[in-house]
Amino acid sequence: MDVLSEILKSVRLEGAFYLNAEFTAPWCAQTKFGLSRVVGHLPGAEHVMFFHFLTEGSCKVRLADGGEAFDLTAGDLVVFPHDDTHILGSDLQLTPVEAKTDIAVDELPTDDFLYYRGGGGGETTRFVCGYLACNRSLSRPLLDALPRALHIPMGEGPGAMLMRELLKKGVRESAAAQPGGHSILAKLSELMFVDAMRRYIESLPPGGQGWLAGVRDAQVGKALAMLHAEPSKAWTVDELAAKAALSRSTLAERFTALVGEPPMQYLMRWRLALAAQSLRAGSEAIIRVAERCGYESEAAFSRAFKREFGLPPAAWRKAGQNAT
């Protein structure tokens, strides 16, 4: 069983927009994308992740509110899973210029697709930047496990070359605005994101804790994958343990230690996340949604849903409709 792929199916990336940028030293820019720039053409989006992929040169990057700066070189990918404002530049001591990220498609030139040039005329740094939009409730286990800035060195091998070509394709699709473009961008986003998450998980030190450590653990990862693959199934800890080749107590203890909650509590929260997505996406009766989550009464489902999302199911659905 491909544990990571099974779990990442639930992330459901909904679209992306890719732009090229070029800066020459000395330079310093501050930027973020912002969910408000997405909802116009992706009304179902609840969360945005912003990224930069360096294709040439080097720079430094850090979060705008402080923290350690780290170096990026050609072939490096940096992802901001929570779309935090960040600063990039050849010299971060310079006063940052606010970089424009809300470029309209018809503003993009048709030759090399560069949308921004800036800096002092020295050494050149080029990168592709863009966003990945997703459903916050479904992606929460992963998003909560990721740091605010995610640096993933891709190197100069085949993986970096493939990433570069995928992003070039993304830039062209973003500029062309042709039929089917959103679907292509979503697939390109998924390929890039899955590859980035695989590399990040492989880079984690052994012996850690958290959802990603659970994904990487052979037995707990298998249990997580089964819960995500068949959330409506009437799972028991005994059945999960048998399939994971562990005793019931060992699986329950290891799962709780790594993921932070027992298997059945995790399943309940995952079912509620799916219910939240279903309520926003359609008009199915709330009692039917409740039954799929394993609740026999709408009242019990409503109480659990409100504890998880702060609103009862009907109000949650209405809020989503008003947002569109």
C-alpha atoms as a PDB file:
ATOM      1  CA  MET A   1       0.000   0.000   0.000  1.00  0.00           C
ATOM      2  CA  ASP A   2       1.340   3.425  -0.997  1.00  0.00           C
ATOM      3  CA  VAL A   3       0.623   5.174   2.289  1.00  0.00           C
ATOM      4  CA  LEU A   4       1.605   8.690   1.286  1.00  0.00           C
ATOM      5  CA  SER A   5      -0.356   8.626  -1.964  1.00  0.00           C
ATOM      6  CA  GLU A   6      -3.457   7.295  -0.213  1.00  0.00           C
ATOM      7  CA  ILE A   7      -3.356  10.045   2.356  1.00  0.00           C
ATOM      8  CA  LEU A   8      -2.511  12.836  -0.077  1.00  0.00           C
ATOM      9  CA  LYS A   9      -5.561  11.972  -2.167  1.00  0.00           C
ATOM     10  CA  SER A  10      -7.547  13.834   0.448  1.00  0.00           C
ATOM     11  CA  VAL A  11      -5.607  17.079  -0.002  1.00  0.00           C
ATOM     12  CA  ARG A  12      -7.577  17.786  -3.208  1.00  0.00           C
ATOM     13  CA  LEU A  13      -5.613  20.643  -4.686  1.00  0.00           C
ATOM     14  CA  GLU A  14      -8.060  22.787  -6.583  1.00  0.00           C
ATOM     15  CA  GLY A  15      -5.882  24.949  -8.796  1.00  0.00           C
ATOM     16  CA  ALA A  16      -2.801  27.059  -9.154  1.00  0.00           C
ATOM     17  CA  PHE A  17      -1.381  30.069 -10.918  1.00  0.00           C
ATOM     18  CA  TYR A  18       2.221  30.225 -12.031  1.00  0.00           C
ATOM     19  CA  LEU A  19       4.329  33.291 -12.794  1.00  0.00           C
ATOM     20  CA  ASN A  20       7.990  33.835 -13.627  1.00  0.00           C
ATOM     21  CA  ALA A  21      10.038  36.465 -11.834  1.00  0.00           C
ATOM     22  CA  GLU A  22      13.536  37.865 -12.246  1.00  0.00           C
ATOM     23  CA  PHE A  23      15.589  39.952  -9.820  1.00  0.00           C
ATOM     24  CA  THR A  24      19.115  41.315 -10.073  1.00  0.00           C
ATOM     25  CA  ALA A  25      21.362  42.066  -7.097  1.00  0.00           C
ATOM     26  CA  PRO A  26      21.024  43.892  -4.869  1.00  0.00           C
ATOM     27  CA  TRP A  27      17.363  43.227  -4.244  1.00  0.00           C
ATOM     28  CA  CYS A  28      14.904  42.482  -1.448  1.00  0.00           C
ATOM     29  CA  ALA A  29      11.177  41.772  -1.851  1.00  0.00           C
ATOM     30  CA  GLN A  30       8.327  41.055   0.538  1.00  0.00           C
ATOM     31  CA  THR A  31       5.300  39.075  -0.593  1.00  0.00           C
ATOM     32  CA  LYS A  32       2.441  36.675   0.071  1.00  0.00           C
ATOM     33  CA  PHE A  33      -0.451  35.590  -2.105  1.00  0.00           C
ATOM     34  CA  GLY A  34      -3.634  35.860  -0.061  1.00  0.00           C
ATOM     35  CA  LEU A  35      -6.820  33.830  -0.167  1.00  0.00           C
ATOM     36  CA  SER A  36      -8.834  36.843  -1.283  1.00  0.00           C
ATOM     37  CA  ARG A  37      -7.073  36.697  -4.648  1.00  0.00           C
ATOM     38  CA  VAL A  38      -8.235  33.130  -5.242  1.00  0.00           C
ATOM     39  CA  VAL A  39     -11.920  33.106  -4.407  1.00  0.00           C
ATOM     40  CA  GLY A  40     -12.926  34.997  -7.527  1.00  0.00           C
ATOM     41  CA  HIS A  41     -12.188  32.056  -9.818  1.00  0.00           C
ATOM     42  CA  LEU A  42     -11.954  29.268  -7.216  1.00  0.00           C
ATOM     43  CA  PRO A  43     -14.903  29.995  -4.906  1.00  0.00           C
ATOM     44  CA  GLY A  44     -14.562  26.673  -3.111  1.00  0.00           C
ATOM     45  CA  ALA A  45     -10.991  27.315  -2.016  1.00  0.00           C
ATOM     46  CA  GLU A  46     -10.514  27.632   1.737  1.00  0.00           C
ATOM     47  CA  HIS A  47      -6.736  27.797   2.002  1.00  0.00           C
ATOM     48  CA  VAL A  48      -3.741  28.910  -0.040  1.00  0.00           C
ATOM     49  CA  MET A  49      -0.135  27.727  -0.023  1.00  0.00           C
ATOM     50  CA  PHE A  50       2.428  29.939  -1.771  1.00  0.00           C
ATOM     51  CA  PHE A  51       5.668  28.659  -3.315  1.00  0.00           C
ATOM     52  CA  HIS A  52       8.833  29.700  -5.139  1.00  0.00           C
ATOM     53  CA  PHE A  53      11.045  27.427  -7.221  1.00  0.00           C
ATOM     54  CA  LEU A  54      14.481  28.856  -8.046  1.00  0.00           C
ATOM     55  CA  THR A  55      15.539  28.147 -11.597  1.00  0.00           C
ATOM     56  CA  GLU A  56      18.719  30.245 -11.608  1.00  0.00           C
ATOM     57  CA  GLY A  57      20.914  32.080  -9.102  1.00  0.00           C
ATOM     58  CA  SER A  58      20.543  32.215  -5.337  1.00  0.00           C
ATOM     59  CA  CYS A  59      18.923  34.243  -2.584  1.00  0.00           C
ATOM     60  CA  LYS A  60      18.010  34.263   1.074  1.00  0.00           C
ATOM     61  CA  VAL A  61      14.513  33.935   2.517  1.00  0.00           C
ATOM     62  CA  ARG A  62      12.865  34.319   5.917  1.00  0.00           C
ATOM     63  CA  LEU A  63       9.438  34.987   7.387  1.00  0.00           C
ATOM     64  CA  ALA A  64       8.548  38.659   7.611  1.00  0.00           C
ATOM     65  CA  ASP A  65       7.881  38.473  11.357  1.00  0.00           C
ATOM     66  CA  GLY A  66      11.332  37.126  12.107  1.00  0.00           C
ATOM     67  CA  GLY A  67      13.042  33.805  12.460  1.00  0.00           C
ATOM     68  CA  GLU A  68      16.123  32.309  10.903  1.00  0.00           C
ATOM     69  CA  ALA A  69      16.945  33.053   7.271  1.00  0.00           C
ATOM     70  CA  PHE A  70      18.018  30.227   5.001  1.00  0.00           C
ATOM     71  CA  ASP A  71      19.754  30.084   1.654  1.00  0.00           C
ATOM     72  CA  LEU A  72      18.120  29.038  -1.603  1.00  0.00           C
ATOM     73  CA  THR A  73      20.025  27.965  -4.693  1.00  0.00           C
ATOM     74  CA  ALA A  74      18.958  26.880  -8.171  1.00  0.00           C
ATOM     75  CA  GLY A  75      16.753  23.802  -7.946  1.00  0.00           C
ATOM     76  CA  ASP A  76      15.407  24.634  -4.483  1.00  0.00           C
ATOM     77  CA  LEU A  77      11.700  24.773  -3.716  1.00  0.00           C
ATOM     78  CA  VAL A  78      10.338  26.803  -0.804  1.00  0.00           C
ATOM     79  CA  VAL A  79       6.692  26.405   0.214  1.00  0.00           C
ATOM     80  CA  PHE A  80       4.755  28.561   2.661  1.00  0.00           C
ATOM     81  CA  PRO A  81       1.944  26.181   3.704  1.00  0.00           C
ATOM     82  CA  HIS A  82       0.072  28.909   5.587  1.00  0.00           C
ATOM     83  CA  ASP A  83       0.758  31.712   3.084  1.00  0.00           C
ATOM     84  CA  ASP A  84       2.793  33.699   5.605  1.00  0.00           C
ATOM     85  CA  THR A  85       4.254  36.992   4.471  1.00  0.00           C
ATOM     86  CA  HIS A  86       7.926  36.416   3.704  1.00  0.00           C
ATOM     87  CA  ILE A  87      11.020  38.254   2.520  1.00  0.00           C
ATOM     88  CA  LEU A  88      13.405  37.129  -0.214  1.00  0.00           C
ATOM     89  CA  GLY A  89      16.496  38.851  -1.505  1.00  0.00           C
ATOM     90  CA  SER A  90      20.192  38.966  -2.176  1.00  0.00           C
ATOM     91  CA  ASP A  91      20.460  41.117   0.965  1.00  0.00           C
ATOM     92  CA  LEU A  92      17.715  40.886   3.582  1.00  0.00           C
ATOM     93  CA  GLN A  93      19.047  43.989   5.347  1.00  0.00           C
ATOM     94  CA  LEU A  94      17.684  46.139   2.525  1.00  0.00           C
ATOM     95  CA  THR A  95      14.267  47.736   2.857  1.00  0.00           C
ATOM     96  CA  PRO A  96      11.981  45.208   1.133  1.00  0.00           C
ATOM     97  CA  VAL A  97       9.898  46.213  -1.858  1.00  0.00           C
ATOM     98  CA  GLU A  98       6.346  44.870  -1.902  1.00  0.00           C
ATOM     99  CA  ALA A  99       6.283  42.348  -4.755  1.00  0.00           C
ATOM    100  CA  LYS A 100       3.140  42.283  -6.870  1.00  0.00           C
ATOM    101  CA  THR A 101       1.454  38.861  -6.943  1.00  0.00           C
ATOM    102  CA  ASP A 102      -2.010  39.714  -8.190  1.00  0.00           C
ATOM    103  CA  ILE A 103      -1.042  39.879 -11.865  1.00  0.00           C
ATOM    104  CA  ALA A 104      -3.930  39.522 -14.287  1.00  0.00           C
ATOM    105  CA  VAL A 105      -3.542  36.919 -17.014  1.00  0.00           C
ATOM    106  CA  ASP A 106      -3.681  39.524 -19.777  1.00  0.00           C
ATOM    107  CA  GLU A 107      -0.761  41.388 -18.180  1.00  0.00           C
ATOM    108  CA  LEU A 108       1.602  38.501 -18.848  1.00  0.00           C
ATOM    109  CA  PRO A 109       3.911  38.943 -21.830  1.00  0.00           C
ATOM    110  CA  THR A 110       3.632  36.232 -24.448  1.00  0.00           C
ATOM    111  CA  ASP A 111       7.317  35.630 -25.129  1.00  0.00           C
ATOM    112  CA  ASP A 112       9.094  34.479 -21.985  1.00  0.00           C
ATOM    113  CA  PHE A 113       6.213  34.915 -19.496  1.00  0.00           C
ATOM    114  CA  LEU A 114       8.316  37.059 -17.145  1.00  0.00           C
ATOM    115  CA  TYR A 115       5.979  39.250 -15.165  1.00  0.00           C
ATOM    116  CA  TYR A 116       8.364  41.060 -12.863  1.00  0.00           C
ATOM    117  CA  ARG A 117      11.873  42.410 -13.184  1.00  0.00           C
ATOM    118  CA  GLY A 118      13.561  44.326 -10.421  1.00  0.00           C
ATOM    119  CA  GLY A 119      16.796  44.967  -8.597  1.00  0.00           C
ATOM    120  CA  GLY A 120      20.092  46.763  -9.054  1.00  0.00           C
ATOM    121  CA  GLY A 121      21.406  45.173 -12.232  1.00  0.00           C
ATOM    122  CA  GLY A 122      23.870  42.695 -10.711  1.00  0.00           C
ATOM    123  CA  GLU A 123      23.763  38.926 -10.471  1.00  0.00           C
ATOM    124  CA  THR A 124      20.465  37.469 -11.689  1.00  0.00           C
ATOM    125  CA  THR A 125      18.072  35.256  -9.742  1.00  0.00           C
ATOM    126  CA  ARG A 126      15.105  33.715 -11.527  1.00  0.00           C
ATOM    127  CA  PHE A 127      12.272  31.700 -10.087  1.00  0.00           C
ATOM    128  CA  VAL A 128       8.736  30.524 -10.692  1.00  0.00           C
ATOM    129  CA  CYS A 129       6.188  31.432  -8.060  1.00  0.00           C
ATOM    130  CA  GLY A 130       2.585  30.449  -7.596  1.00  0.00           C
ATOM    131  CA  TYR A 131      -0.075  29.185  -5.253  1.00  0.00           C
ATOM    132  CA  LEU A 132      -1.798  25.907  -4.484  1.00  0.00           C
ATOM    133  CA  ALA A 133      -5.412  26.154  -3.329  1.00  0.00           C
ATOM    134  CA  CYS A 134      -6.995  23.433  -1.210  1.00  0.00           C
ATOM    135  CA  ASN A 135      -9.843  22.600   1.131  1.00  0.00           C
ATOM    136  CA  ARG A 136      -8.734  23.588   4.632  1.00  0.00           C
ATOM    137  CA  SER A 137     -10.885  21.098   6.525  1.00  0.00           C
ATOM    138  CA  LEU A 138      -9.724  18.110   4.460  1.00  0.00           C
ATOM    139  CA  SER A 139      -6.084  19.194   4.427  1.00  0.00           C
ATOM    140  CA  ARG A 140      -5.850  20.122   8.097  1.00  0.00           C
ATOM    141  CA  PRO A 141      -3.932  17.040   9.336  1.00  0.00           C
ATOM    142  CA  LEU A 142      -1.197  17.713   6.806  1.00  0.00           C
ATOM    143  CA  LEU A 143      -1.230  21.512   7.051  1.00  0.00           C
ATOM    144  CA  ASP A 144      -1.031  21.451  10.838  1.00  0.00           C
ATOM    145  CA  ALA A 145       1.995  19.154  10.615  1.00  0.00           C
ATOM    146  CA  LEU A 146       3.993  21.402   8.281  1.00  0.00           C
ATOM    147  CA  PRO A 147       6.284  24.246   9.377  1.00  0.00           C
ATOM    148  CA  ARG A 148       5.535  27.813   8.317  1.00  0.00           C
ATOM    149  CA  ALA A 149       8.337  27.710   5.758  1.00  0.00           C
ATOM    150  CA  LEU A 150       9.243  24.479   4.009  1.00  0.00           C
ATOM    151  CA  HIS A 151      12.629  24.360   2.238  1.00  0.00           C
ATOM    152  CA  ILE A 152      13.052  21.405  -0.113  1.00  0.00           C
ATOM    153  CA  PRO A 153      16.330  21.145  -2.045  1.00  0.00           C
ATOM    154  CA  MET A 154      15.627  19.428  -5.363  1.00  0.00           C
ATOM    155  CA  GLY A 155      19.268  19.325  -6.522  1.00  0.00           C
ATOM    156  CA  GLU A 156      20.405  19.282 -10.122  1.00  0.00           C
ATOM    157  CA  GLY A 157      19.313  15.755 -11.014  1.00  0.00           C
ATOM    158  CA  PRO A 158      16.351  14.424 -12.989  1.00  0.00           C
ATOM    159  CA  GLY A 159      13.901  15.413 -10.243  1.00  0.00           C
ATOM    160  CA  ALA A 160      14.854  19.089 -10.468  1.00  0.00           C
ATOM    161  CA  MET A 161      14.747  18.987 -14.268  1.00  0.00           C
ATOM    162  CA  LEU A 162      11.258  17.458 -14.178  1.00  0.00           C
ATOM    163  CA  MET A 163      10.077  20.058 -11.665  1.00  0.00           C
ATOM    164  CA  ARG A 164      11.441  22.835 -13.857  1.00  0.00           C
ATOM    165  CA  GLU A 165       9.607  21.522 -16.912  1.00  0.00           C
ATOM    166  CA  LEU A 166       6.360  21.070 -14.985  1.00  0.00           C
ATOM    167  CA  LEU A 167       6.505  24.638 -13.754  1.00  0.00           C
ATOM    168  CA  LYS A 168       7.264  25.964 -17.236  1.00  0.00           C
ATOM    169  CA  LYS A 169       4.152  24.165 -18.390  1.00  0.00           C
ATOM    170  CA  GLY A 170       2.246  25.722 -15.501  1.00  0.00           C
ATOM    171  CA  VAL A 171       3.356  29.229 -16.501  1.00  0.00           C
ATOM    172  CA  ARG A 172       2.221  28.675 -20.072  1.00  0.00           C
ATOM    173  CA  GLU A 173      -1.147  27.282 -18.989  1.00  0.00           C
ATOM    174  CA  SER A 174      -1.661  30.197 -16.622  1.00  0.00           C
ATOM    175  CA  ALA A 175      -0.965  32.677 -19.393  1.00  0.00           C
ATOM    176  CA  ALA A 176      -2.979  30.925 -22.100  1.00  0.00           C
ATOM    177  CA  ALA A 177      -6.240  30.659 -20.123  1.00  0.00           C
ATOM    178  CA  GLN A 178      -7.454  27.953 -22.508  1.00  0.00           C
ATOM    179  CA  PRO A 179     -10.329  25.504 -21.933  1.00  0.00           C
ATOM    180  CA  GLY A 180      -9.265  22.796 -19.492  1.00  0.00           C
ATOM    181  CA  GLY A 181      -6.475  24.952 -18.119  1.00  0.00           C
ATOM    182  CA  HIS A 182      -7.666  24.805 -14.515  1.00  0.00           C
ATOM    183  CA  SER A 183      -7.715  21.010 -14.652  1.00  0.00           C
ATOM    184  CA  ILE A 184      -4.177  20.856 -16.058  1.00  0.00           C
ATOM    185  CA  LEU A 185      -2.918  23.284 -13.415  1.00  0.00           C
ATOM    186  CA  ALA A 186      -4.530  21.235 -10.656  1.00  0.00           C
ATOM    187  CA  LYS A 187      -2.795  18.065 -11.919  1.00  0.00           C
ATOM    188  CA  LEU A 188       0.540  19.840 -12.235  1.00  0.00           C
ATOM    189  CA  SER A 189       0.098  21.194  -8.708  1.00  0.00           C
ATOM    190  CA  GLU A 190      -0.641  17.745  -7.372  1.00  0.00           C
ATOM    191  CA  LEU A 191       2.448  16.244  -9.002  1.00  0.00           C
ATOM    192  CA  MET A 192       4.663  18.972  -7.601  1.00  0.00           C
ATOM    193  CA  PHE A 193       3.131  18.884  -4.148  1.00  0.00           C
ATOM    194  CA  VAL A 194       3.250  15.090  -3.776  1.00  0.00           C
ATOM    195  CA  ASP A 195       6.886  15.028  -4.850  1.00  0.00           C
ATOM    196  CA  ALA A 196       7.710  17.842  -2.426  1.00  0.00           C
ATOM    197  CA  MET A 197       5.942  16.125   0.474  1.00  0.00           C
ATOM    198  CA  ARG A 198       7.693  12.838  -0.256  1.00  0.00           C
ATOM    199  CA  ARG A 199      11.076  14.543  -0.211  1.00  0.00           C
ATOM    200  CA  TYR A 200      10.236  16.432   2.970  1.00  0.00           C
ATOM    201  CA  ILE A 201       9.037  13.348   4.835  1.00  0.00           C
ATOM    202  CA  GLU A 202      12.147  11.443   3.784  1.00  0.00           C
ATOM    203  CA  SER A 203      14.301  14.267   5.170  1.00  0.00           C
ATOM    204  CA  LEU A 204      12.733  14.207   8.654  1.00  0.00           C
ATOM    205  CA  PRO A 205      15.032  12.936  11.405  1.00  0.00           C
ATOM    206  CA  PRO A 206      14.146   9.566  12.945  1.00  0.00           C
ATOM    207  CA  GLY A 207      12.277   9.327  16.213  1.00  0.00           C
ATOM    208  CA  GLY A 208      10.020  12.350  15.749  1.00  0.00           C
ATOM    209  CA  GLN A 209       6.381  12.777  16.660  1.00  0.00           C
ATOM    210  CA  GLY A 210       3.375  14.218  14.864  1.00  0.00           C
ATOM    211  CA  TRP A 211       1.155  13.333  11.942  1.00  0.00           C
ATOM    212  CA  LEU A 212       4.031  13.125   9.458  1.00  0.00           C
ATOM    213  CA  ALA A 213       5.968  10.824  11.774  1.00  0.00           C
ATOM    214  CA  GLY A 214       2.852   8.653  11.869  1.00  0.00           C
ATOM    215  CA  VAL A 215       2.708   8.622   8.062  1.00  0.00           C
ATOM    216  CA  ARG A 216       6.326   7.492   7.908  1.00  0.00           C
ATOM    217  CA  ASP A 217       5.895   4.757  10.513  1.00  0.00           C
ATOM    218  CA  ALA A 218       5.241   1.421   8.764  1.00  0.00           C
ATOM    219  CA  GLN A 219       2.371   0.223  10.969  1.00  0.00           C
ATOM    220  CA  VAL A 220       0.789   3.538  11.969  1.00  0.00           C
ATOM    221  CA  GLY A 221       1.134   4.774   8.393  1.00  0.00           C
ATOM    222  CA  LYS A 222      -0.717   1.720   7.152  1.00  0.00           C
ATOM    223  CA  ALA A 223      -3.497   2.317   9.667  1.00  0.00           C
ATOM    224  CA  LEU A 224      -3.760   5.971   8.615  1.00  0.00           C
ATOM    225  CA  ALA A 225      -3.921   4.979   4.959  1.00  0.00           C
ATOM    226  CA  MET A 226      -6.735   2.512   5.635  1.00  0.00           C
ATOM    227  CA  LEU A 227      -8.750   5.098   7.557  1.00  0.00           C
ATOM    228  CA  HIS A 228      -8.345   7.607   4.738  1.00  0.00           C
ATOM    229  CA  ALA A 229      -9.105   5.069   2.023  1.00  0.00           C
ATOM    230  CA  GLU A 230     -12.362   3.834   3.616  1.00  0.00           C
ATOM    231  CA  PRO A 231     -13.532   6.401   6.172  1.00  0.00           C
ATOM    232  CA  SER A 232     -17.147   5.183   6.141  1.00  0.00           C
ATOM    233  CA  LYS A 233     -16.195   1.641   7.097  1.00  0.00           C
ATOM    234  CA  ALA A 234     -17.059   0.549  10.634  1.00  0.00           C
ATOM    235  CA  TRP A 235     -13.436   0.273  11.693  1.00  0.00           C
ATOM    236  CA  THR A 236     -12.340  -1.063  15.069  1.00  0.00           C
ATOM    237  CA  VAL A 237      -8.926  -0.809  16.633  1.00  0.00           C
ATOM    238  CA  ASP A 238      -8.776  -4.619  16.611  1.00  0.00           C
ATOM    239  CA  GLU A 239      -9.263  -4.742  12.841  1.00  0.00           C
ATOM    240  CA  LEU A 240      -6.744  -1.966  12.193  1.00  0.00           C
ATOM    241  CA  ALA A 241      -4.221  -3.695  14.432  1.00  0.00           C
ATOM    242  CA  ALA A 242      -4.689  -7.035  12.679  1.00  0.00           C
ATOM    243  CA  LYS A 243      -4.129  -5.464   9.257  1.00  0.00           C
ATOM    244  CA  ALA A 244      -1.122  -3.544  10.549  1.00  0.00           C
ATOM    245  CA  ALA A 245       0.343  -6.739  12.082  1.00  0.00           C
ATOM    246  CA  LEU A 246       0.375  -5.351  15.613  1.00  0.00           C
ATOM    247  CA  SER A 247      -1.446  -6.117  18.822  1.00  0.00           C
ATOM    248  CA  ARG A 248      -4.404  -3.908  19.652  1.00  0.00           C
ATOM    249  CA  SER A 249      -2.654  -2.240  22.577  1.00  0.00           C
ATOM    250  CA  THR A 250       0.583  -1.669  20.673  1.00  0.00           C
ATOM    251  CA  LEU A 251      -1.152  -0.018  17.724  1.00  0.00           C
ATOM    252  CA  ALA A 252      -3.319   2.154  19.978  1.00  0.00           C
ATOM    253  CA  GLU A 253      -0.291   3.244  21.995  1.00  0.00           C
ATOM    254  CA  ARG A 254       1.959   3.898  18.988  1.00  0.00           C
ATOM    255  CA  PHE A 255      -0.777   5.661  17.001  1.00  0.00           C
ATOM    256  CA  THR A 256      -1.619   7.953  19.921  1.00  0.00           C
ATOM    257  CA  ALA A 257       2.037   8.698  20.660  1.00  0.00           C
ATOM    258  CA  LEU A 258       2.812   9.657  17.067  1.00  0.00           C
ATOM    259  CA  VAL A 259      -0.422  11.212  15.793  1.00  0.00           C
ATOM    260  CA  GLY A 260      -1.507  12.777  19.083  1.00  0.00           C
ATOM    261  CA  GLU A 261      -4.911  11.125  19.422  1.00  0.00           C
ATOM    262  CA  PRO A 262      -6.323   7.561  19.453  1.00  0.00           C
ATOM    263  CA  PRO A 263      -7.275   5.902  16.143  1.00  0.00           C
ATOM    264  CA  MET A 264     -11.042   6.137  16.609  1.00  0.00           C
ATOM    265  CA  GLN A 265     -10.904   9.787  17.633  1.00  0.00           C
ATOM    266  CA  TYR A 266      -8.792  10.501  14.554  1.00  0.00           C
ATOM    267  CA  LEU A 267     -11.350   8.662  12.395  1.00  0.00           C
ATOM    268  CA  MET A 268     -14.185  10.692  13.900  1.00  0.00           C
ATOM    269  CA  ARG A 269     -12.402  13.955  13.146  1.00  0.00           C
ATOM    270  CA  TRP A 270     -11.623  12.818   9.611  1.00  0.00           C
ATOM    271  CA  ARG A 271     -15.261  11.878   9.004  1.00  0.00           C
ATOM    272  CA  LEU A 272     -16.330  15.300  10.252  1.00  0.00           C
ATOM    273  CA  ALA A 273     -13.852  16.938   7.863  1.00  0.00           C
ATOM    274  CA  LEU A 274     -15.378  14.980   4.988  1.00  0.00           C
ATOM    275  CA  ALA A 275     -18.822  15.994   6.193  1.00  0.00           C
ATOM    276  CA  ALA A 276     -17.763  19.647   6.222  1.00  0.00           C
ATOM    277  CA  GLN A 277     -16.629  19.353   2.612  1.00  0.00           C
ATOM    278  CA  SER A 278     -19.831  17.564   1.622  1.00  0.00           C
ATOM    279  CA  LEU A 279     -22.019  20.215   3.252  1.00  0.00           C
ATOM    280  CA  ARG A 280     -20.247  22.982   1.377  1.00  0.00           C
ATOM    281  CA  ALA A 281     -20.282  21.122  -1.947  1.00  0.00           C
ATOM    282  CA  GLY A 282     -23.930  20.067  -2.221  1.00  0.00           C
ATOM    283  CA  SER A 283     -27.453  20.083  -0.879  1.00  0.00           C
ATOM    284  CA  GLU A 284     -27.667  16.580   0.550  1.00  0.00           C
ATOM    285  CA  ALA A 285     -29.837  16.304   3.653  1.00  0.00           C
ATOM    286  CA  ILE A 286     -27.871  16.810   6.851  1.00  0.00           C
ATOM    287  CA  ILE A 287     -29.180  13.554   8.327  1.00  0.00           C
ATOM    288  CA  ARG A 288     -27.741  11.638   5.335  1.00  0.00           C
ATOM    289  CA  VAL A 289     -24.364  13.299   5.898  1.00  0.00           C
ATOM    290  CA  ALA A 290     -24.614  12.454   9.592  1.00  0.00           C
ATOM    291  CA  GLU A 291     -25.310   8.786   8.859  1.00  0.00           C
ATOM    292  CA  ARG A 292     -22.206   8.523   6.673  1.00  0.00           C
ATOM    293  CA  CYS A 293     -20.211   9.862   9.604  1.00  0.00           C
ATOM    294  CA  GLY A 294     -21.548   7.099  11.833  1.00  0.00           C
ATOM    295  CA  TYR A 295     -24.079   9.205  13.771  1.00  0.00           C
ATOM    296  CA  GLU A 296     -27.562   7.802  14.287  1.00  0.00           C
ATOM    297  CA  SER A 297     -29.126  11.170  15.103  1.00  0.00           C
ATOM    298  CA  GLU A 298     -28.780  14.568  13.512  1.00  0.00           C
ATOM    299  CA  ALA A 299     -28.629  16.174  16.952  1.00  0.00           C
ATOM    300  CA  ALA A 300     -25.557  14.182  18.007  1.00  0.00           C
ATOM    301  CA  PHE A 301     -23.896  14.933  14.683  1.00  0.00           C
ATOM    302  CA  SER A 302     -24.652  18.640  15.030  1.00  0.00           C
ATOM    303  CA  ARG A 303     -23.097  18.771  18.501  1.00  0.00           C
ATOM    304  CA  ALA A 304     -19.934  17.019  17.336  1.00  0.00           C
ATOM    305  CA  PHE A 305     -19.716  19.144  14.201  1.00  0.00           C
ATOM    306  CA  LYS A 306     -20.058  22.390  16.159  1.00  0.00           C
ATOM    307  CA  ARG A 307     -17.321  21.306  18.574  1.00  0.00           C
ATOM    308  CA  GLU A 308     -15.015  20.684  15.617  1.00  0.00           C
ATOM    309  CA  PHE A 309     -15.814  23.650  13.354  1.00  0.00           C
ATOM    310  CA  GLY A 310     -17.467  26.214  15.616  1.00  0.00           C
ATOM    311  CA  LEU A 311     -20.743  26.218  13.674  1.00  0.00           C
ATOM    312  CA  PRO A 312     -23.633  23.747  13.421  1.00  0.00           C
ATOM    313  CA  PRO A 313     -23.917  21.965  10.032  1.00  0.00           C
ATOM    314  CA  ALA A 314     -26.701  24.172   8.624  1.00  0.00           C
ATOM    315  CA  ALA A 315     -24.852  27.376   9.488  1.00  0.00           C
ATOM    316  CA  TRP A 316     -21.619  25.956   8.045  1.00  0.00           C
ATOM    317  CA  ARG A 317     -23.376  25.191   4.750  1.00  0.00           C
ATOM    318  CA  LYS A 318     -24.974  28.652   4.636  1.00  0.00           C
ATOM    319  CA  ALA A 319     -21.644  30.353   5.317  1.00  0.00           C
ATOM    320  CA  GLY A 320     -20.116  28.501   2.375  1.00  0.00           C
ATOM    321  CA  GLN A 321     -22.957  29.520   0.089  1.00  0.00           C
ATOM    322  CA  ASN A 322     -22.656  33.147   1.129  1.00  0.00           C
ATOM    323  CA  ALA A 323     -18.909  33.071   0.387  1.00  0.00           C
ATOM    324  CA  THR A 324     -19.555  32.111  -3.233  1.00  0.00           C
END
